[in-house]
Amino acid sequence: MTYRILVAMLLLIFFGRTRAQDTLVYVNGERIIGYVDEIGVDLVKYRTSSGGNSVLIVAEKRDLARIRLSGGQQFIFNDASTDIPATEAFMARKQQIMLDVLAPALDHFTISYERLIGRRMSLKCGLGYIGIWDRDGNSQGELNKGFVARTGSKFILPNSSRHSRSARADHPLAGWYLEPELMFSYWAEHDQYYYSSYPSYGPPLVKKTFFSSAALNLVVGTQLLIGERVTFDIHGGLGYGIEWQNGHPTGSNDRYYAFKEYAYSHAFFGRNSPLCVSGGLQFGYLL
């Protein structure tokens, strides 16, 4: 009788332990049945059987999608259903075309090109057209026309293991970056006026004033990947600039020459300061 009771207890313990196993699911879809010993900040320790022996496995959280404990509690680290596998083709996309989504609201259109030239370094250049909207023919200062040019070198900051949790975050063009950026803009303002108070006596006279501005800013930004092709970039910069009117530098002590605080690619803090700021929101397409 004692022997039978002992065997029954062993069977209950065996089947109870079998049912009490934990399930670990990796980002790549692999499913492991084992026993979780520890869930740390960056690592997960669990045991599994191999050849009848218990083996201790240490896994990084970034590689795990979720863990379901035997008691029903679930820990989700990465959603394996929405993550992008870090395939060779995906990681090999090292150039992109970008559009500034705020530029049309500010009366210009800007397109940029970026190409990775090193492990954590890329070159970026952009060109824009000023004056995309038609205006009322009777207004003054209408129909500003010109162009914007900008170029810079991006130094992409490496992701720590704590924050790099998916293939999108591991892409060489993704993450926070610093970018010294050189910007230049050139445009003409058309001022029209009449000699007479009766415009019907003749066509208006048009006077063109040419403005140009250059700035060197240090830009801080971050770029995210949306899916396998689309990128989203938000950035802002601070630096120094200078402006010319008809080839003459505009200064705080020269009232004859006008000063434009907004120069399309950047904006000055005021007439008395060379400090300027820049910023933007861009969507891109990886090539």
C-alpha atoms as a PDB file:
ATOM      1  CA  MET A   1       0.000   0.000   0.000  1.00  0.00           C
ATOM      2  CA  THR A   2       2.801   2.408   0.883  1.00  0.00           C
ATOM      3  CA  TYR A   3       4.491   1.648  -2.460  1.00  0.00           C
ATOM      4  CA  ARG A   4       1.310   2.432  -4.403  1.00  0.00           C
ATOM      5  CA  ILE A   5       0.812   5.716  -2.546  1.00  0.00           C
ATOM      6  CA  LEU A   6       4.418   6.720  -3.249  1.00  0.00           C
ATOM      7  CA  VAL A   7       4.042   5.940  -6.968  1.00  0.00           C
ATOM      8  CA  ALA A   8       0.783   7.909  -7.152  1.00  0.00           C
ATOM      9  CA  MET A   9       2.391  10.905  -5.458  1.00  0.00           C
ATOM     10  CA  LEU A  10       5.336  10.803  -7.867  1.00  0.00           C
ATOM     11  CA  LEU A  11       2.975  10.658 -10.843  1.00  0.00           C
ATOM     12  CA  LEU A  12       0.988  13.617  -9.527  1.00  0.00           C
ATOM     13  CA  ILE A  13       4.165  15.623  -9.020  1.00  0.00           C
ATOM     14  CA  PHE A  14       5.395  14.694 -12.504  1.00  0.00           C
ATOM     15  CA  PHE A  15       2.174  15.614 -14.319  1.00  0.00           C
ATOM     16  CA  GLY A  16       1.708  18.702 -12.179  1.00  0.00           C
ATOM     17  CA  ARG A  17       5.235  19.895 -13.018  1.00  0.00           C
ATOM     18  CA  THR A  18       4.636  19.156 -16.713  1.00  0.00           C
ATOM     19  CA  ARG A  19       1.517  21.304 -16.724  1.00  0.00           C
ATOM     20  CA  ALA A  20       3.296  24.039 -14.751  1.00  0.00           C
ATOM     21  CA  GLN A  21       5.868  24.805 -17.420  1.00  0.00           C
ATOM     22  CA  ASP A  22       6.359  28.349 -18.734  1.00  0.00           C
ATOM     23  CA  THR A  23       6.225  29.393 -22.409  1.00  0.00           C
ATOM     24  CA  LEU A  24       8.758  31.757 -23.964  1.00  0.00           C
ATOM     25  CA  VAL A  25       8.178  33.157 -27.473  1.00  0.00           C
ATOM     26  CA  TYR A  26      11.085  34.742 -29.358  1.00  0.00           C
ATOM     27  CA  VAL A  27      10.703  37.610 -31.825  1.00  0.00           C
ATOM     28  CA  ASN A  28      11.594  35.263 -34.715  1.00  0.00           C
ATOM     29  CA  GLY A  29       8.639  33.035 -33.781  1.00  0.00           C
ATOM     30  CA  GLU A  30      10.538  30.296 -31.946  1.00  0.00           C
ATOM     31  CA  ARG A  31       8.588  28.893 -28.971  1.00  0.00           C
ATOM     32  CA  ILE A  32      10.371  27.395 -25.948  1.00  0.00           C
ATOM     33  CA  ILE A  33       8.808  25.426 -23.078  1.00  0.00           C
ATOM     34  CA  GLY A  34      10.762  25.681 -19.863  1.00  0.00           C
ATOM     35  CA  TYR A  35      10.928  27.155 -16.396  1.00  0.00           C
ATOM     36  CA  VAL A  36      11.636  30.861 -15.915  1.00  0.00           C
ATOM     37  CA  ASP A  37      14.074  31.496 -13.061  1.00  0.00           C
ATOM     38  CA  GLU A  38      14.550  35.257 -13.328  1.00  0.00           C
ATOM     39  CA  ILE A  39      13.244  38.252 -15.344  1.00  0.00           C
ATOM     40  CA  GLY A  40      15.750  41.063 -15.019  1.00  0.00           C
ATOM     41  CA  VAL A  41      16.100  44.514 -16.510  1.00  0.00           C
ATOM     42  CA  ASP A  42      17.788  43.346 -19.720  1.00  0.00           C
ATOM     43  CA  LEU A  43      18.060  39.551 -19.355  1.00  0.00           C
ATOM     44  CA  VAL A  44      15.758  36.583 -18.790  1.00  0.00           C
ATOM     45  CA  LYS A  45      17.067  33.335 -17.265  1.00  0.00           C
ATOM     46  CA  TYR A  46      15.156  30.101 -17.832  1.00  0.00           C
ATOM     47  CA  ARG A  47      15.764  26.361 -17.747  1.00  0.00           C
ATOM     48  CA  THR A  48      14.850  23.806 -20.366  1.00  0.00           C
ATOM     49  CA  SER A  49      15.543  20.106 -20.877  1.00  0.00           C
ATOM     50  CA  SER A  50      18.138  18.813 -23.317  1.00  0.00           C
ATOM     51  CA  GLY A  51      18.926  15.108 -23.477  1.00  0.00           C
ATOM     52  CA  GLY A  52      17.334  14.559 -20.098  1.00  0.00           C
ATOM     53  CA  ASN A  53      19.431  17.275 -18.473  1.00  0.00           C
ATOM     54  CA  SER A  54      18.328  20.701 -17.216  1.00  0.00           C
ATOM     55  CA  VAL A  55      20.082  23.513 -19.112  1.00  0.00           C
ATOM     56  CA  LEU A  56      20.213  27.158 -17.967  1.00  0.00           C
ATOM     57  CA  ILE A  57      19.605  29.636 -20.805  1.00  0.00           C
ATOM     58  CA  VAL A  58      20.202  33.404 -20.595  1.00  0.00           C
ATOM     59  CA  ALA A  59      18.298  35.456 -23.210  1.00  0.00           C
ATOM     60  CA  GLU A  60      18.154  39.186 -23.891  1.00  0.00           C
ATOM     61  CA  LYS A  61      14.757  40.811 -23.569  1.00  0.00           C
ATOM     62  CA  ARG A  62      15.161  42.425 -26.976  1.00  0.00           C
ATOM     63  CA  ASP A  63      15.102  38.945 -28.527  1.00  0.00           C
ATOM     64  CA  LEU A  64      11.909  37.858 -26.738  1.00  0.00           C
ATOM     65  CA  ALA A  65       8.402  38.745 -27.836  1.00  0.00           C
ATOM     66  CA  ARG A  66       6.566  37.585 -24.709  1.00  0.00           C
ATOM     67  CA  ILE A  67       6.591  35.166 -21.783  1.00  0.00           C
ATOM     68  CA  ARG A  68       3.580  33.327 -20.385  1.00  0.00           C
ATOM     69  CA  LEU A  69       4.084  31.866 -16.929  1.00  0.00           C
ATOM     70  CA  SER A  70       2.419  28.688 -15.760  1.00  0.00           C
ATOM     71  CA  GLY A  71       0.072  30.703 -13.538  1.00  0.00           C
ATOM     72  CA  GLY A  72      -1.285  32.628 -16.541  1.00  0.00           C
ATOM     73  CA  GLN A  73       0.647  35.865 -16.054  1.00  0.00           C
ATOM     74  CA  GLN A  74       2.058  37.252 -19.299  1.00  0.00           C
ATOM     75  CA  PHE A  75       4.962  39.640 -19.957  1.00  0.00           C
ATOM     76  CA  ILE A  76       5.104  41.322 -23.384  1.00  0.00           C
ATOM     77  CA  PHE A  77       8.465  42.754 -24.453  1.00  0.00           C
ATOM     78  CA  ASN A  78       8.145  42.989 -28.256  1.00  0.00           C
ATOM     79  CA  ASP A  79       5.159  42.326 -30.447  1.00  0.00           C
ATOM     80  CA  ALA A  80       6.419  39.601 -32.738  1.00  0.00           C
ATOM     81  CA  SER A  81       3.384  39.970 -34.998  1.00  0.00           C
ATOM     82  CA  THR A  82       4.278  43.554 -35.952  1.00  0.00           C
ATOM     83  CA  ASP A  83       8.063  43.447 -35.824  1.00  0.00           C
ATOM     84  CA  ILE A  84      10.119  43.426 -39.013  1.00  0.00           C
ATOM     85  CA  PRO A  85      12.700  40.674 -39.404  1.00  0.00           C
ATOM     86  CA  ALA A  86      16.215  42.057 -39.697  1.00  0.00           C
ATOM     87  CA  THR A  87      16.670  40.545 -43.138  1.00  0.00           C
ATOM     88  CA  GLU A  88      19.681  41.288 -45.300  1.00  0.00           C
ATOM     89  CA  ALA A  89      17.517  43.190 -47.801  1.00  0.00           C
ATOM     90  CA  PHE A  90      15.961  45.352 -45.075  1.00  0.00           C
ATOM     91  CA  MET A  91      19.268  46.281 -43.464  1.00  0.00           C
ATOM     92  CA  ALA A  92      20.841  46.963 -46.890  1.00  0.00           C
ATOM     93  CA  ARG A  93      18.523  49.922 -47.589  1.00  0.00           C
ATOM     94  CA  LYS A  94      20.962  52.743 -46.918  1.00  0.00           C
ATOM     95  CA  GLN A  95      19.521  55.693 -48.840  1.00  0.00           C
ATOM     96  CA  GLN A  96      16.245  57.557 -48.914  1.00  0.00           C
ATOM     97  CA  ILE A  97      14.232  60.369 -50.478  1.00  0.00           C
ATOM     98  CA  MET A  98      12.549  62.757 -48.020  1.00  0.00           C
ATOM     99  CA  LEU A  99       9.826  65.424 -48.173  1.00  0.00           C
ATOM    100  CA  ASP A 100       9.345  68.242 -45.653  1.00  0.00           C
ATOM    101  CA  VAL A 101       5.645  68.160 -44.704  1.00  0.00           C
ATOM    102  CA  LEU A 102       5.682  71.643 -43.120  1.00  0.00           C
ATOM    103  CA  ALA A 103       7.288  73.432 -46.081  1.00  0.00           C
ATOM    104  CA  PRO A 104       4.124  73.923 -48.204  1.00  0.00           C
ATOM    105  CA  ALA A 105       2.440  75.768 -45.330  1.00  0.00           C
ATOM    106  CA  LEU A 106       5.417  78.170 -45.367  1.00  0.00           C
ATOM    107  CA  ASP A 107       5.237  78.809 -49.133  1.00  0.00           C
ATOM    108  CA  HIS A 108       8.014  76.509 -50.314  1.00  0.00           C
ATOM    109  CA  PHE A 109       8.582  72.894 -51.345  1.00  0.00           C
ATOM    110  CA  THR A 110      11.675  70.972 -50.212  1.00  0.00           C
ATOM    111  CA  ILE A 111      12.934  67.520 -51.184  1.00  0.00           C
ATOM    112  CA  SER A 112      16.024  65.882 -49.638  1.00  0.00           C
ATOM    113  CA  TYR A 113      18.272  62.925 -50.308  1.00  0.00           C
ATOM    114  CA  GLU A 114      20.211  60.998 -47.659  1.00  0.00           C
ATOM    115  CA  ARG A 115      22.795  58.267 -48.088  1.00  0.00           C
ATOM    116  CA  LEU A 116      24.677  56.245 -45.478  1.00  0.00           C
ATOM    117  CA  ILE A 117      28.449  56.509 -45.999  1.00  0.00           C
ATOM    118  CA  GLY A 118      29.661  54.821 -42.813  1.00  0.00           C
ATOM    119  CA  ARG A 119      28.470  52.660 -39.980  1.00  0.00           C
ATOM    120  CA  ARG A 120      26.890  55.607 -38.148  1.00  0.00           C
ATOM    121  CA  MET A 121      27.339  58.495 -40.564  1.00  0.00           C
ATOM    122  CA  SER A 122      25.339  59.758 -43.526  1.00  0.00           C
ATOM    123  CA  LEU A 123      25.358  62.681 -45.940  1.00  0.00           C
ATOM    124  CA  LYS A 124      22.181  64.645 -46.523  1.00  0.00           C
ATOM    125  CA  CYS A 125      21.352  67.351 -49.057  1.00  0.00           C
ATOM    126  CA  GLY A 126      18.139  69.119 -49.964  1.00  0.00           C
ATOM    127  CA  LEU A 127      16.790  71.559 -52.523  1.00  0.00           C
ATOM    128  CA  GLY A 128      13.593  73.585 -52.358  1.00  0.00           C
ATOM    129  CA  TYR A 129      11.525  76.002 -54.430  1.00  0.00           C
ATOM    130  CA  ILE A 130      10.182  79.210 -52.875  1.00  0.00           C
ATOM    131  CA  GLY A 131       6.835  80.597 -54.033  1.00  0.00           C
ATOM    132  CA  ILE A 132       4.513  77.651 -54.678  1.00  0.00           C
ATOM    133  CA  TRP A 133       1.277  79.553 -53.970  1.00  0.00           C
ATOM    134  CA  ASP A 134      -0.306  82.249 -56.163  1.00  0.00           C
ATOM    135  CA  ARG A 135      -1.425  85.369 -54.369  1.00  0.00           C
ATOM    136  CA  ASP A 136      -3.789  88.279 -54.878  1.00  0.00           C
ATOM    137  CA  GLY A 137      -2.531  90.435 -57.747  1.00  0.00           C
ATOM    138  CA  ASN A 138      -3.422  93.637 -55.889  1.00  0.00           C
ATOM    139  CA  SER A 139      -1.317  92.904 -52.804  1.00  0.00           C
ATOM    140  CA  GLN A 140       2.127  94.240 -52.189  1.00  0.00           C
ATOM    141  CA  GLY A 141       5.143  92.029 -51.610  1.00  0.00           C
ATOM    142  CA  GLU A 142       3.509  89.292 -53.673  1.00  0.00           C
ATOM    143  CA  LEU A 143       4.908  86.302 -55.506  1.00  0.00           C
ATOM    144  CA  ASN A 144       8.207  85.747 -53.709  1.00  0.00           C
ATOM    145  CA  LYS A 145      10.293  83.444 -55.890  1.00  0.00           C
ATOM    146  CA  GLY A 146      13.571  81.720 -55.139  1.00  0.00           C
ATOM    147  CA  PHE A 147      15.225  78.551 -53.887  1.00  0.00           C
ATOM    148  CA  VAL A 148      16.546  76.867 -50.756  1.00  0.00           C
ATOM    149  CA  ALA A 149      19.626  74.652 -50.526  1.00  0.00           C
ATOM    150  CA  ARG A 150      20.862  72.740 -47.497  1.00  0.00           C
ATOM    151  CA  THR A 151      23.471  70.106 -46.803  1.00  0.00           C
ATOM    152  CA  GLY A 152      24.837  68.361 -43.727  1.00  0.00           C
ATOM    153  CA  SER A 153      26.521  65.322 -42.294  1.00  0.00           C
ATOM    154  CA  LYS A 154      24.501  63.250 -39.827  1.00  0.00           C
ATOM    155  CA  PHE A 155      26.209  61.437 -36.963  1.00  0.00           C
ATOM    156  CA  ILE A 156      23.746  58.781 -35.844  1.00  0.00           C
ATOM    157  CA  LEU A 157      23.988  57.910 -32.158  1.00  0.00           C
ATOM    158  CA  PRO A 158      24.135  54.190 -31.288  1.00  0.00           C
ATOM    159  CA  ASN A 159      21.191  52.584 -29.532  1.00  0.00           C
ATOM    160  CA  SER A 160      21.758  50.918 -26.189  1.00  0.00           C
ATOM    161  CA  SER A 161      20.538  47.352 -25.765  1.00  0.00           C
ATOM    162  CA  ARG A 162      17.890  48.634 -23.396  1.00  0.00           C
ATOM    163  CA  HIS A 163      16.245  50.795 -26.034  1.00  0.00           C
ATOM    164  CA  SER A 164      17.023  48.814 -29.185  1.00  0.00           C
ATOM    165  CA  ARG A 165      14.142  46.329 -29.177  1.00  0.00           C
ATOM    166  CA  SER A 166      13.335  45.647 -32.822  1.00  0.00           C
ATOM    167  CA  ALA A 167      14.805  45.446 -36.282  1.00  0.00           C
ATOM    168  CA  ARG A 168      13.413  48.908 -37.036  1.00  0.00           C
ATOM    169  CA  ALA A 169      15.443  50.383 -34.180  1.00  0.00           C
ATOM    170  CA  ASP A 170      18.559  48.501 -35.325  1.00  0.00           C
ATOM    171  CA  HIS A 171      18.456  49.924 -38.860  1.00  0.00           C
ATOM    172  CA  PRO A 172      21.555  52.087 -39.514  1.00  0.00           C
ATOM    173  CA  LEU A 173      19.457  55.147 -40.431  1.00  0.00           C
ATOM    174  CA  ALA A 174      17.217  54.953 -37.341  1.00  0.00           C
ATOM    175  CA  GLY A 175      17.698  56.691 -34.015  1.00  0.00           C
ATOM    176  CA  TRP A 176      18.856  59.991 -32.555  1.00  0.00           C
ATOM    177  CA  TYR A 177      21.472  62.009 -34.408  1.00  0.00           C
ATOM    178  CA  LEU A 178      23.539  65.197 -34.461  1.00  0.00           C
ATOM    179  CA  GLU A 179      23.939  67.098 -37.724  1.00  0.00           C
ATOM    180  CA  PRO A 180      25.989  70.204 -38.512  1.00  0.00           C
ATOM    181  CA  GLU A 181      23.902  71.694 -41.334  1.00  0.00           C
ATOM    182  CA  LEU A 182      24.732  74.486 -43.766  1.00  0.00           C
ATOM    183  CA  MET A 183      21.704  76.320 -45.201  1.00  0.00           C
ATOM    184  CA  PHE A 184      21.351  78.916 -47.935  1.00  0.00           C
ATOM    185  CA  SER A 185      18.272  80.655 -49.337  1.00  0.00           C
ATOM    186  CA  TYR A 186      17.798  83.161 -52.125  1.00  0.00           C
ATOM    187  CA  TRP A 187      14.555  84.841 -53.131  1.00  0.00           C
ATOM    188  CA  ALA A 188      13.134  87.949 -54.805  1.00  0.00           C
ATOM    189  CA  GLU A 189      10.292  90.033 -53.436  1.00  0.00           C
ATOM    190  CA  HIS A 190       8.064  91.819 -55.919  1.00  0.00           C
ATOM    191  CA  ASP A 191       6.653  95.136 -54.679  1.00  0.00           C
ATOM    192  CA  GLN A 192       4.110  96.776 -56.959  1.00  0.00           C
ATOM    193  CA  TYR A 193       2.774 100.291 -56.679  1.00  0.00           C
ATOM    194  CA  TYR A 194       1.089 103.034 -58.745  1.00  0.00           C
ATOM    195  CA  TYR A 195       2.155 106.605 -59.439  1.00  0.00           C
ATOM    196  CA  SER A 196      -1.506 107.595 -59.521  1.00  0.00           C
ATOM    197  CA  SER A 197      -4.295 106.866 -57.067  1.00  0.00           C
ATOM    198  CA  TYR A 198      -6.283 105.496 -60.001  1.00  0.00           C
ATOM    199  CA  PRO A 199      -4.855 102.157 -61.062  1.00  0.00           C
ATOM    200  CA  SER A 200      -6.896 102.173 -64.239  1.00  0.00           C
ATOM    201  CA  TYR A 201      -4.575 104.829 -65.676  1.00  0.00           C
ATOM    202  CA  GLY A 202      -1.863 102.277 -66.250  1.00  0.00           C
ATOM    203  CA  PRO A 203      -0.301  99.023 -65.135  1.00  0.00           C
ATOM    204  CA  PRO A 204       1.408  98.926 -61.738  1.00  0.00           C
ATOM    205  CA  LEU A 205       5.126  99.394 -61.416  1.00  0.00           C
ATOM    206  CA  VAL A 206       6.987  96.384 -60.017  1.00  0.00           C
ATOM    207  CA  LYS A 207      10.173  96.659 -58.000  1.00  0.00           C
ATOM    208  CA  LYS A 208      12.237  93.577 -57.227  1.00  0.00           C
ATOM    209  CA  THR A 209      14.281  93.257 -54.063  1.00  0.00           C
ATOM    210  CA  PHE A 210      16.677  90.324 -53.830  1.00  0.00           C
ATOM    211  CA  PHE A 211      17.409  88.662 -50.511  1.00  0.00           C
ATOM    212  CA  SER A 212      19.875  85.929 -49.646  1.00  0.00           C
ATOM    213  CA  SER A 213      20.686  84.298 -46.328  1.00  0.00           C
ATOM    214  CA  ALA A 214      23.109  81.664 -45.036  1.00  0.00           C
ATOM    215  CA  ALA A 215      23.322  79.851 -41.705  1.00  0.00           C
ATOM    216  CA  LEU A 216      25.257  77.095 -39.972  1.00  0.00           C
ATOM    217  CA  ASN A 217      23.188  75.208 -37.393  1.00  0.00           C
ATOM    218  CA  LEU A 218      23.754  72.255 -35.116  1.00  0.00           C
ATOM    219  CA  VAL A 219      20.698  70.054 -35.587  1.00  0.00           C
ATOM    220  CA  VAL A 220      19.399  67.478 -33.117  1.00  0.00           C
ATOM    221  CA  GLY A 221      16.795  65.008 -34.321  1.00  0.00           C
ATOM    222  CA  THR A 222      15.472  61.490 -34.355  1.00  0.00           C
ATOM    223  CA  GLN A 223      14.373  59.245 -37.194  1.00  0.00           C
ATOM    224  CA  LEU A 224      11.904  56.382 -36.896  1.00  0.00           C
ATOM    225  CA  LEU A 225      11.029  53.614 -39.323  1.00  0.00           C
ATOM    226  CA  ILE A 226       7.350  53.002 -40.073  1.00  0.00           C
ATOM    227  CA  GLY A 227       7.073  49.608 -41.723  1.00  0.00           C
ATOM    228  CA  GLU A 228       9.801  48.427 -44.075  1.00  0.00           C
ATOM    229  CA  ARG A 229      10.108  51.526 -46.274  1.00  0.00           C
ATOM    230  CA  VAL A 230       8.680  54.687 -44.692  1.00  0.00           C
ATOM    231  CA  THR A 231      10.671  56.882 -42.292  1.00  0.00           C
ATOM    232  CA  PHE A 232       9.613  59.780 -40.074  1.00  0.00           C
ATOM    233  CA  ASP A 233      12.101  62.457 -39.018  1.00  0.00           C
ATOM    234  CA  ILE A 234      11.642  65.310 -36.543  1.00  0.00           C
ATOM    235  CA  HIS A 235      14.466  67.740 -35.836  1.00  0.00           C
ATOM    236  CA  GLY A 236      15.425  71.199 -34.608  1.00  0.00           C
ATOM    237  CA  GLY A 237      18.614  73.239 -34.785  1.00  0.00           C
ATOM    238  CA  LEU A 238      20.362  76.317 -33.404  1.00  0.00           C
ATOM    239  CA  GLY A 239      23.214  78.312 -34.910  1.00  0.00           C
ATOM    240  CA  TYR A 240      24.431  81.518 -36.539  1.00  0.00           C
ATOM    241  CA  GLY A 241      23.415  83.206 -39.777  1.00  0.00           C
ATOM    242  CA  ILE A 242      23.830  86.254 -41.982  1.00  0.00           C
ATOM    243  CA  GLU A 243      21.597  87.965 -44.526  1.00  0.00           C
ATOM    244  CA  TRP A 244      22.044  90.188 -47.575  1.00  0.00           C
ATOM    245  CA  GLN A 245      19.733  92.558 -49.452  1.00  0.00           C
ATOM    246  CA  ASN A 246      20.725  93.199 -53.060  1.00  0.00           C
ATOM    247  CA  GLY A 247      24.207  91.954 -52.186  1.00  0.00           C
ATOM    248  CA  HIS A 248      24.604  94.257 -49.169  1.00  0.00           C
ATOM    249  CA  PRO A 249      24.787  92.702 -45.667  1.00  0.00           C
ATOM    250  CA  THR A 250      21.859  93.793 -43.543  1.00  0.00           C
ATOM    251  CA  GLY A 251      22.900  94.890 -40.055  1.00  0.00           C
ATOM    252  CA  SER A 252      21.319  96.186 -36.899  1.00  0.00           C
ATOM    253  CA  ASN A 253      22.747  99.700 -37.447  1.00  0.00           C
ATOM    254  CA  ASP A 254      21.766 100.045 -41.095  1.00  0.00           C
ATOM    255  CA  ARG A 255      18.112 101.024 -41.331  1.00  0.00           C
ATOM    256  CA  TYR A 256      18.178 101.614 -45.064  1.00  0.00           C
ATOM    257  CA  TYR A 257      18.291  97.898 -45.780  1.00  0.00           C
ATOM    258  CA  ALA A 258      15.380  95.721 -44.752  1.00  0.00           C
ATOM    259  CA  PHE A 259      15.853  92.643 -42.578  1.00  0.00           C
ATOM    260  CA  LYS A 260      13.826  89.450 -42.963  1.00  0.00           C
ATOM    261  CA  GLU A 261      13.657  87.369 -39.815  1.00  0.00           C
ATOM    262  CA  TYR A 262      12.278  84.400 -41.749  1.00  0.00           C
ATOM    263  CA  ALA A 263      14.586  83.066 -44.483  1.00  0.00           C
ATOM    264  CA  TYR A 264      12.631  79.882 -45.419  1.00  0.00           C
ATOM    265  CA  SER A 265      15.376  77.434 -44.426  1.00  0.00           C
ATOM    266  CA  HIS A 266      15.896  79.133 -41.036  1.00  0.00           C
ATOM    267  CA  ALA A 267      14.602  82.002 -38.915  1.00  0.00           C
ATOM    268  CA  PHE A 268      16.498  84.669 -36.971  1.00  0.00           C
ATOM    269  CA  PHE A 269      15.763  85.627 -33.382  1.00  0.00           C
ATOM    270  CA  GLY A 270      15.592  89.275 -34.413  1.00  0.00           C
ATOM    271  CA  ARG A 271      17.339  92.080 -36.244  1.00  0.00           C
ATOM    272  CA  ASN A 272      19.899  92.572 -33.495  1.00  0.00           C
ATOM    273  CA  SER A 273      20.981  88.945 -33.206  1.00  0.00           C
ATOM    274  CA  PRO A 274      22.770  86.569 -35.597  1.00  0.00           C
ATOM    275  CA  LEU A 275      21.284  83.590 -33.741  1.00  0.00           C
ATOM    276  CA  CYS A 276      18.891  81.531 -35.818  1.00  0.00           C
ATOM    277  CA  VAL A 277      16.801  78.384 -35.475  1.00  0.00           C
ATOM    278  CA  SER A 278      15.628  75.700 -37.857  1.00  0.00           C
ATOM    279  CA  GLY A 279      13.359  72.678 -37.700  1.00  0.00           C
ATOM    280  CA  GLY A 280      11.118  70.386 -39.625  1.00  0.00           C
ATOM    281  CA  LEU A 281       9.059  67.236 -39.989  1.00  0.00           C
ATOM    282  CA  GLN A 282       9.954  64.875 -42.822  1.00  0.00           C
ATOM    283  CA  PHE A 283       8.624  61.648 -44.261  1.00  0.00           C
ATOM    284  CA  GLY A 284      11.002  59.516 -46.285  1.00  0.00           C
ATOM    285  CA  TYR A 285      11.097  56.411 -48.457  1.00  0.00           C
ATOM    286  CA  LEU A 286      13.968  53.959 -48.158  1.00  0.00           C
ATOM    287  CA  LEU A 287      15.713  52.814 -51.337  1.00  0.00           C
END
